[in-house]
Amino acid sequence: MHATTTPVLLNKVQLAEAIGISPRQINMMMAARQIPFIRLSYNIVRFDLQRVLAALAEFEQPAISGEGMNATSN
């Protein structure tokens, strides 16, 4: 058996489950053009999970340093 390089395309519900959000949030992200999608017809939309994850990585915020947060006042 050989590995395939063909991307697996997910539907909206599958993508929502894969990234842990609701299908309604997927709709809002599509409308805002925050995630890439493939529209095959008016009712058929598919997503490449790797491309969606790459797009979402652009929204990643750096962690806030914990320095000074644990100081106690006397």
PDB file of N, CA and C in Angstrom:
ATOM      1  N   MET A   1       0.841  -1.172   0.000  1.00  0.00           N
ATOM      2  CA  MET A   1       0.000   0.000   0.000  1.00  0.00           C
ATOM      3  C   MET A   1       0.891   1.241   0.000  1.00  0.00           C
ATOM      4  N   HIS A   2       0.556   2.245  -0.803  1.00  0.00           N
ATOM      5  CA  HIS A   2       1.364   3.449  -0.870  1.00  0.00           C
ATOM      6  C   HIS A   2       0.599   4.651  -0.326  1.00  0.00           C
ATOM      7  N   ALA A   3       1.347   5.632   0.172  1.00  0.00           N
ATOM      8  CA  ALA A   3       0.725   6.840   0.742  1.00  0.00           C
ATOM      9  C   ALA A   3       0.234   7.727  -0.393  1.00  0.00           C
ATOM     10  N   THR A   4      -0.864   8.369  -0.147  1.00  0.00           N
ATOM     11  CA  THR A   4      -1.428   9.258  -1.150  1.00  0.00           C
ATOM     12  C   THR A   4      -1.223  10.708  -0.708  1.00  0.00           C
ATOM     13  N   THR A   5      -1.048  11.604  -1.665  1.00  0.00           N
ATOM     14  CA  THR A   5      -0.880  13.016  -1.347  1.00  0.00           C
ATOM     15  C   THR A   5      -2.156  13.796  -1.608  1.00  0.00           C
ATOM     16  N   THR A   6      -3.206  13.120  -1.997  1.00  0.00           N
ATOM     17  CA  THR A   6      -4.476  13.780  -2.248  1.00  0.00           C
ATOM     18  C   THR A   6      -5.076  14.264  -0.931  1.00  0.00           C
ATOM     19  N   PRO A   7      -5.403  15.548  -0.844  1.00  0.00           N
ATOM     20  CA  PRO A   7      -5.980  16.040   0.411  1.00  0.00           C
ATOM     21  C   PRO A   7      -7.376  15.469   0.630  1.00  0.00           C
ATOM     22  N   VAL A   8      -7.690  15.223   1.881  1.00  0.00           N
ATOM     23  CA  VAL A   8      -9.018  14.761   2.243  1.00  0.00           C
ATOM     24  C   VAL A   8      -9.869  16.000   2.471  1.00  0.00           C
ATOM     25  N   LEU A   9     -10.984  16.064   1.788  1.00  0.00           N
ATOM     26  CA  LEU A   9     -11.861  17.219   1.930  1.00  0.00           C
ATOM     27  C   LEU A   9     -12.983  16.895   2.906  1.00  0.00           C
ATOM     28  N   LEU A  10     -13.215  17.817   3.830  1.00  0.00           N
ATOM     29  CA  LEU A  10     -14.233  17.637   4.857  1.00  0.00           C
ATOM     30  C   LEU A  10     -15.440  18.505   4.561  1.00  0.00           C
ATOM     31  N   ASN A  11     -16.610  18.040   5.017  1.00  0.00           N
ATOM     32  CA  ASN A  11     -17.775  18.904   4.939  1.00  0.00           C
ATOM     33  C   ASN A  11     -17.800  19.800   6.170  1.00  0.00           C
ATOM     34  N   LYS A  12     -18.775  20.679   6.258  1.00  0.00           N
ATOM     35  CA  LYS A  12     -18.831  21.669   7.333  1.00  0.00           C
ATOM     36  C   LYS A  12     -18.921  21.034   8.721  1.00  0.00           C
ATOM     37  N   VAL A  13     -19.737  20.002   8.866  1.00  0.00           N
ATOM     38  CA  VAL A  13     -19.895  19.343  10.166  1.00  0.00           C
ATOM     39  C   VAL A  13     -18.608  18.638  10.561  1.00  0.00           C
ATOM     40  N   GLN A  14     -17.985  17.964   9.626  1.00  0.00           N
ATOM     41  CA  GLN A  14     -16.727  17.269   9.908  1.00  0.00           C
ATOM     42  C   GLN A  14     -15.632  18.252  10.314  1.00  0.00           C
ATOM     43  N   LEU A  15     -15.548  19.391   9.615  1.00  0.00           N
ATOM     44  CA  LEU A  15     -14.552  20.399   9.965  1.00  0.00           C
ATOM     45  C   LEU A  15     -14.821  20.965  11.356  1.00  0.00           C
ATOM     46  N   ALA A  16     -16.072  21.264  11.641  1.00  0.00           N
ATOM     47  CA  ALA A  16     -16.435  21.804  12.953  1.00  0.00           C
ATOM     48  C   ALA A  16     -16.014  20.845  14.062  1.00  0.00           C
ATOM     49  N   GLU A  17     -16.270  19.568  13.881  1.00  0.00           N
ATOM     50  CA  GLU A  17     -15.882  18.568  14.876  1.00  0.00           C
ATOM     51  C   GLU A  17     -14.365  18.471  14.992  1.00  0.00           C
ATOM     52  N   ALA A  18     -13.670  18.565  13.857  1.00  0.00           N
ATOM     53  CA  ALA A  18     -12.214  18.416  13.850  1.00  0.00           C
ATOM     54  C   ALA A  18     -11.517  19.544  14.602  1.00  0.00           C
ATOM     55  N   ILE A  19     -12.081  20.759  14.544  1.00  0.00           N
ATOM     56  CA  ILE A  19     -11.416  21.875  15.210  1.00  0.00           C
ATOM     57  C   ILE A  19     -12.152  22.336  16.459  1.00  0.00           C
ATOM     58  N   GLY A  20     -13.238  21.667  16.809  1.00  0.00           N
ATOM     59  CA  GLY A  20     -13.895  21.904  18.086  1.00  0.00           C
ATOM     60  C   GLY A  20     -14.764  23.140  18.171  1.00  0.00           C
ATOM     61  N   ILE A  21     -15.412  23.500  17.070  1.00  0.00           N
ATOM     62  CA  ILE A  21     -16.342  24.620  17.100  1.00  0.00           C
ATOM     63  C   ILE A  21     -17.646  24.192  16.437  1.00  0.00           C
ATOM     64  N   SER A  22     -18.629  25.074  16.416  1.00  0.00           N
ATOM     65  CA  SER A  22     -19.930  24.730  15.848  1.00  0.00           C
ATOM     66  C   SER A  22     -19.956  24.977  14.336  1.00  0.00           C
ATOM     67  N   PRO A  23     -20.839  24.275  13.617  1.00  0.00           N
ATOM     68  CA  PRO A  23     -20.993  24.548  12.185  1.00  0.00           C
ATOM     69  C   PRO A  23     -21.417  26.001  11.919  1.00  0.00           C
ATOM     70  N   ARG A  24     -22.168  26.590  12.836  1.00  0.00           N
ATOM     71  CA  ARG A  24     -22.563  27.995  12.679  1.00  0.00           C
ATOM     72  C   ARG A  24     -21.332  28.905  12.700  1.00  0.00           C
ATOM     73  N   GLN A  25     -20.377  28.585  13.559  1.00  0.00           N
ATOM     74  CA  GLN A  25     -19.139  29.372  13.597  1.00  0.00           C
ATOM     75  C   GLN A  25     -18.363  29.203  12.293  1.00  0.00           C
ATOM     76  N   ILE A  26     -18.403  28.011  11.719  1.00  0.00           N
ATOM     77  CA  ILE A  26     -17.775  27.785  10.409  1.00  0.00           C
ATOM     78  C   ILE A  26     -18.415  28.715   9.384  1.00  0.00           C
ATOM     79  N   ASN A  27     -19.743  28.816   9.391  1.00  0.00           N
ATOM     80  CA  ASN A  27     -20.440  29.724   8.469  1.00  0.00           C
ATOM     81  C   ASN A  27     -19.951  31.156   8.628  1.00  0.00           C
ATOM     82  N   MET A  28     -19.816  31.606   9.866  1.00  0.00           N
ATOM     83  CA  MET A  28     -19.379  32.980  10.119  1.00  0.00           C
ATOM     84  C   MET A  28     -17.941  33.190   9.655  1.00  0.00           C
ATOM     85  N   MET A  29     -17.091  32.186   9.846  1.00  0.00           N
ATOM     86  CA  MET A  29     -15.703  32.296   9.403  1.00  0.00           C
ATOM     87  C   MET A  29     -15.603  32.295   7.881  1.00  0.00           C
ATOM     88  N   MET A  30     -16.481  31.550   7.240  1.00  0.00           N
ATOM     89  CA  MET A  30     -16.521  31.563   5.780  1.00  0.00           C
ATOM     90  C   MET A  30     -16.951  32.937   5.273  1.00  0.00           C
ATOM     91  N   ALA A  31     -17.984  33.502   5.878  1.00  0.00           N
ATOM     92  CA  ALA A  31     -18.497  34.803   5.458  1.00  0.00           C
ATOM     93  C   ALA A  31     -17.441  35.891   5.634  1.00  0.00           C
ATOM     94  N   ALA A  32     -16.628  35.763   6.680  1.00  0.00           N
ATOM     95  CA  ALA A  32     -15.572  36.738   6.949  1.00  0.00           C
ATOM     96  C   ALA A  32     -14.293  36.424   6.163  1.00  0.00           C
ATOM     97  N   ARG A  33     -14.314  35.364   5.383  1.00  0.00           N
ATOM     98  CA  ARG A  33     -13.152  34.919   4.600  1.00  0.00           C
ATOM     99  C   ARG A  33     -11.942  34.652   5.483  1.00  0.00           C
ATOM    100  N   GLN A  34     -12.176  34.079   6.665  1.00  0.00           N
ATOM    101  CA  GLN A  34     -11.095  33.753   7.586  1.00  0.00           C
ATOM    102  C   GLN A  34     -10.518  32.372   7.317  1.00  0.00           C
ATOM    103  N   ILE A  35     -11.287  31.511   6.668  1.00  0.00           N
ATOM    104  CA  ILE A  35     -10.813  30.166   6.361  1.00  0.00           C
ATOM    105  C   ILE A  35     -11.040  29.876   4.877  1.00  0.00           C
ATOM    106  N   PRO A  36     -10.130  29.107   4.269  1.00  0.00           N
ATOM    107  CA  PRO A  36     -10.297  28.752   2.861  1.00  0.00           C
ATOM    108  C   PRO A  36     -11.325  27.635   2.699  1.00  0.00           C
ATOM    109  N   PHE A  37     -12.086  27.700   1.628  1.00  0.00           N
ATOM    110  CA  PHE A  37     -13.059  26.649   1.337  1.00  0.00           C
ATOM    111  C   PHE A  37     -13.218  26.494  -0.157  1.00  0.00           C
ATOM    112  N   ILE A  38     -13.774  25.360  -0.534  1.00  0.00           N
ATOM    113  CA  ILE A  38     -14.026  25.045  -1.940  1.00  0.00           C
ATOM    114  C   ILE A  38     -15.528  24.927  -2.116  1.00  0.00           C
ATOM    115  N   ARG A  39     -16.106  25.781  -2.948  1.00  0.00           N
ATOM    116  CA  ARG A  39     -17.547  25.716  -3.205  1.00  0.00           C
ATOM    117  C   ARG A  39     -17.756  24.923  -4.494  1.00  0.00           C
ATOM    118  N   LEU A  40     -18.277  23.721  -4.346  1.00  0.00           N
ATOM    119  CA  LEU A  40     -18.521  22.858  -5.495  1.00  0.00           C
ATOM    120  C   LEU A  40     -19.846  23.179  -6.161  1.00  0.00           C
ATOM    121  N   SER A  41     -20.807  23.625  -5.380  1.00  0.00           N
ATOM    122  CA  SER A  41     -22.086  24.108  -5.874  1.00  0.00           C
ATOM    123  C   SER A  41     -22.662  25.007  -4.789  1.00  0.00           C
ATOM    124  N   TYR A  42     -23.851  25.525  -4.991  1.00  0.00           N
ATOM    125  CA  TYR A  42     -24.433  26.422  -3.996  1.00  0.00           C
ATOM    126  C   TYR A  42     -24.542  25.761  -2.630  1.00  0.00           C
ATOM    127  N   ASN A  43     -24.889  24.488  -2.597  1.00  0.00           N
ATOM    128  CA  ASN A  43     -25.093  23.775  -1.337  1.00  0.00           C
ATOM    129  C   ASN A  43     -23.930  22.894  -0.905  1.00  0.00           C
ATOM    130  N   ILE A  44     -22.932  22.732  -1.748  1.00  0.00           N
ATOM    131  CA  ILE A  44     -21.834  21.824  -1.433  1.00  0.00           C
ATOM    132  C   ILE A  44     -20.537  22.606  -1.248  1.00  0.00           C
ATOM    133  N   VAL A  45     -20.033  22.595  -0.005  1.00  0.00           N
ATOM    134  CA  VAL A  45     -18.787  23.275   0.343  1.00  0.00           C
ATOM    135  C   VAL A  45     -17.881  22.250   1.015  1.00  0.00           C
ATOM    136  N   ARG A  46     -16.607  22.268   0.672  1.00  0.00           N
ATOM    137  CA  ARG A  46     -15.641  21.353   1.268  1.00  0.00           C
ATOM    138  C   ARG A  46     -14.427  22.131   1.750  1.00  0.00           C
ATOM    139  N   PHE A  47     -13.703  21.525   2.699  1.00  0.00           N
ATOM    140  CA  PHE A  47     -12.560  22.162   3.329  1.00  0.00           C
ATOM    141  C   PHE A  47     -11.386  21.208   3.367  1.00  0.00           C
ATOM    142  N   ASP A  48     -10.191  21.731   3.116  1.00  0.00           N
ATOM    143  CA  ASP A  48      -8.951  20.985   3.297  1.00  0.00           C
ATOM    144  C   ASP A  48      -8.470  21.322   4.706  1.00  0.00           C
ATOM    145  N   LEU A  49      -8.478  20.350   5.605  1.00  0.00           N
ATOM    146  CA  LEU A  49      -8.169  20.587   7.010  1.00  0.00           C
ATOM    147  C   LEU A  49      -6.809  21.251   7.193  1.00  0.00           C
ATOM    148  N   GLN A  50      -5.797  20.817   6.477  1.00  0.00           N
ATOM    149  CA  GLN A  50      -4.452  21.395   6.639  1.00  0.00           C
ATOM    150  C   GLN A  50      -4.433  22.869   6.251  1.00  0.00           C
ATOM    151  N   ARG A  51      -5.129  23.240   5.201  1.00  0.00           N
ATOM    152  CA  ARG A  51      -5.172  24.648   4.784  1.00  0.00           C
ATOM    153  C   ARG A  51      -5.964  25.483   5.778  1.00  0.00           C
ATOM    154  N   VAL A  52      -7.041  24.924   6.342  1.00  0.00           N
ATOM    155  CA  VAL A  52      -7.820  25.643   7.348  1.00  0.00           C
ATOM    156  C   VAL A  52      -6.969  25.875   8.590  1.00  0.00           C
ATOM    157  N   LEU A  53      -6.257  24.845   9.044  1.00  0.00           N
ATOM    158  CA  LEU A  53      -5.401  24.986  10.220  1.00  0.00           C
ATOM    159  C   LEU A  53      -4.306  26.023   9.987  1.00  0.00           C
ATOM    160  N   ALA A  54      -3.752  26.059   8.788  1.00  0.00           N
ATOM    161  CA  ALA A  54      -2.719  27.046   8.468  1.00  0.00           C
ATOM    162  C   ALA A  54      -3.303  28.457   8.510  1.00  0.00           C
ATOM    163  N   ALA A  55      -4.522  28.617   8.005  1.00  0.00           N
ATOM    164  CA  ALA A  55      -5.175  29.927   8.036  1.00  0.00           C
ATOM    165  C   ALA A  55      -5.475  30.352   9.465  1.00  0.00           C
ATOM    166  N   LEU A  56      -5.916  29.413  10.291  1.00  0.00           N
ATOM    167  CA  LEU A  56      -6.227  29.732  11.683  1.00  0.00           C
ATOM    168  C   LEU A  56      -4.968  30.068  12.480  1.00  0.00           C
ATOM    169  N   ALA A  57      -3.833  29.517  12.091  1.00  0.00           N
ATOM    170  CA  ALA A  57      -2.578  29.791  12.793  1.00  0.00           C
ATOM    171  C   ALA A  57      -2.208  31.267  12.707  1.00  0.00           C
ATOM    172  N   GLU A  58      -2.690  31.955  11.673  1.00  0.00           N
ATOM    173  CA  GLU A  58      -2.415  33.379  11.531  1.00  0.00           C
ATOM    174  C   GLU A  58      -3.099  34.195  12.628  1.00  0.00           C
ATOM    175  N   PHE A  59      -4.121  33.643  13.260  1.00  0.00           N
ATOM    176  CA  PHE A  59      -4.850  34.346  14.316  1.00  0.00           C
ATOM    177  C   PHE A  59      -4.295  34.033  15.706  1.00  0.00           C
ATOM    178  N   GLU A  60      -3.284  33.186  15.759  1.00  0.00           N
ATOM    179  CA  GLU A  60      -2.730  32.782  17.051  1.00  0.00           C
ATOM    180  C   GLU A  60      -2.126  33.976  17.775  1.00  0.00           C
ATOM    181  N   GLN A  61      -2.433  34.086  19.048  1.00  0.00           N
ATOM    182  CA  GLN A  61      -1.920  35.164  19.886  1.00  0.00           C
ATOM    183  C   GLN A  61      -0.822  34.608  20.784  1.00  0.00           C
ATOM    184  N   PRO A  62       0.249  35.361  20.977  1.00  0.00           N
ATOM    185  CA  PRO A  62       1.318  34.885  21.864  1.00  0.00           C
ATOM    186  C   PRO A  62       0.847  34.868  23.312  1.00  0.00           C
ATOM    187  N   ALA A  63       1.425  33.976  24.093  1.00  0.00           N
ATOM    188  CA  ALA A  63       1.082  33.883  25.509  1.00  0.00           C
ATOM    189  C   ALA A  63       1.619  35.110  26.239  1.00  0.00           C
ATOM    190  N   ILE A  64       0.897  35.513  27.243  1.00  0.00           N
ATOM    191  CA  ILE A  64       1.321  36.644  28.070  1.00  0.00           C
ATOM    192  C   ILE A  64       2.270  36.125  29.135  1.00  0.00           C
ATOM    193  N   SER A  65       3.364  36.824  29.320  1.00  0.00           N
ATOM    194  CA  SER A  65       4.351  36.425  30.321  1.00  0.00           C
ATOM    195  C   SER A  65       3.743  36.511  31.710  1.00  0.00           C
ATOM    196  N   GLY A  66       4.069  35.559  32.555  1.00  0.00           N
ATOM    197  CA  GLY A  66       3.535  35.521  33.902  1.00  0.00           C
ATOM    198  C   GLY A  66       4.344  36.340  34.901  1.00  0.00           C
ATOM    199  N   GLU A  67       5.379  37.024  34.432  1.00  0.00           N
ATOM    200  CA  GLU A  67       6.223  37.804  35.333  1.00  0.00           C
ATOM    201  C   GLU A  67       5.419  38.910  35.995  1.00  0.00           C
ATOM    202  N   GLY A  68       5.568  39.031  37.302  1.00  0.00           N
ATOM    203  CA  GLY A  68       4.895  40.084  38.032  1.00  0.00           C
ATOM    204  C   GLY A  68       3.460  39.786  38.401  1.00  0.00           C
ATOM    205  N   MET A  69       2.913  38.733  37.857  1.00  0.00           N
ATOM    206  CA  MET A  69       1.517  38.404  38.120  1.00  0.00           C
ATOM    207  C   MET A  69       1.355  37.683  39.465  1.00  0.00           C
ATOM    208  N   ASN A  70       2.409  37.036  39.946  1.00  0.00           N
ATOM    209  CA  ASN A  70       2.331  36.271  41.188  1.00  0.00           C
ATOM    210  C   ASN A  70       2.868  37.044  42.394  1.00  0.00           C
ATOM    211  N   ALA A  71       3.180  38.312  42.184  1.00  0.00           N
ATOM    212  CA  ALA A  71       3.702  39.111  43.290  1.00  0.00           C
ATOM    213  C   ALA A  71       2.611  39.336  44.341  1.00  0.00           C
ATOM    214  N   THR A  72       2.985  39.186  45.582  1.00  0.00           N
ATOM    215  CA  THR A  72       2.017  39.405  46.663  1.00  0.00           C
ATOM    216  C   THR A  72       2.282  40.751  47.284  1.00  0.00           C
ATOM    217  N   SER A  73       1.239  41.413  47.696  1.00  0.00           N
ATOM    218  CA  SER A  73       1.399  42.704  48.366  1.00  0.00           C
ATOM    219  C   SER A  73       1.298  42.514  49.853  1.00  0.00           C
ATOM    220  N   ASN A  74       2.180  43.143  50.599  1.00  0.00           N
ATOM    221  CA  ASN A  74       2.196  43.039  52.059  1.00  0.00           C
ATOM    222  C   ASN A  74       1.756  44.330  52.673  1.00  0.00           C
TER     223      ASN A  74
END
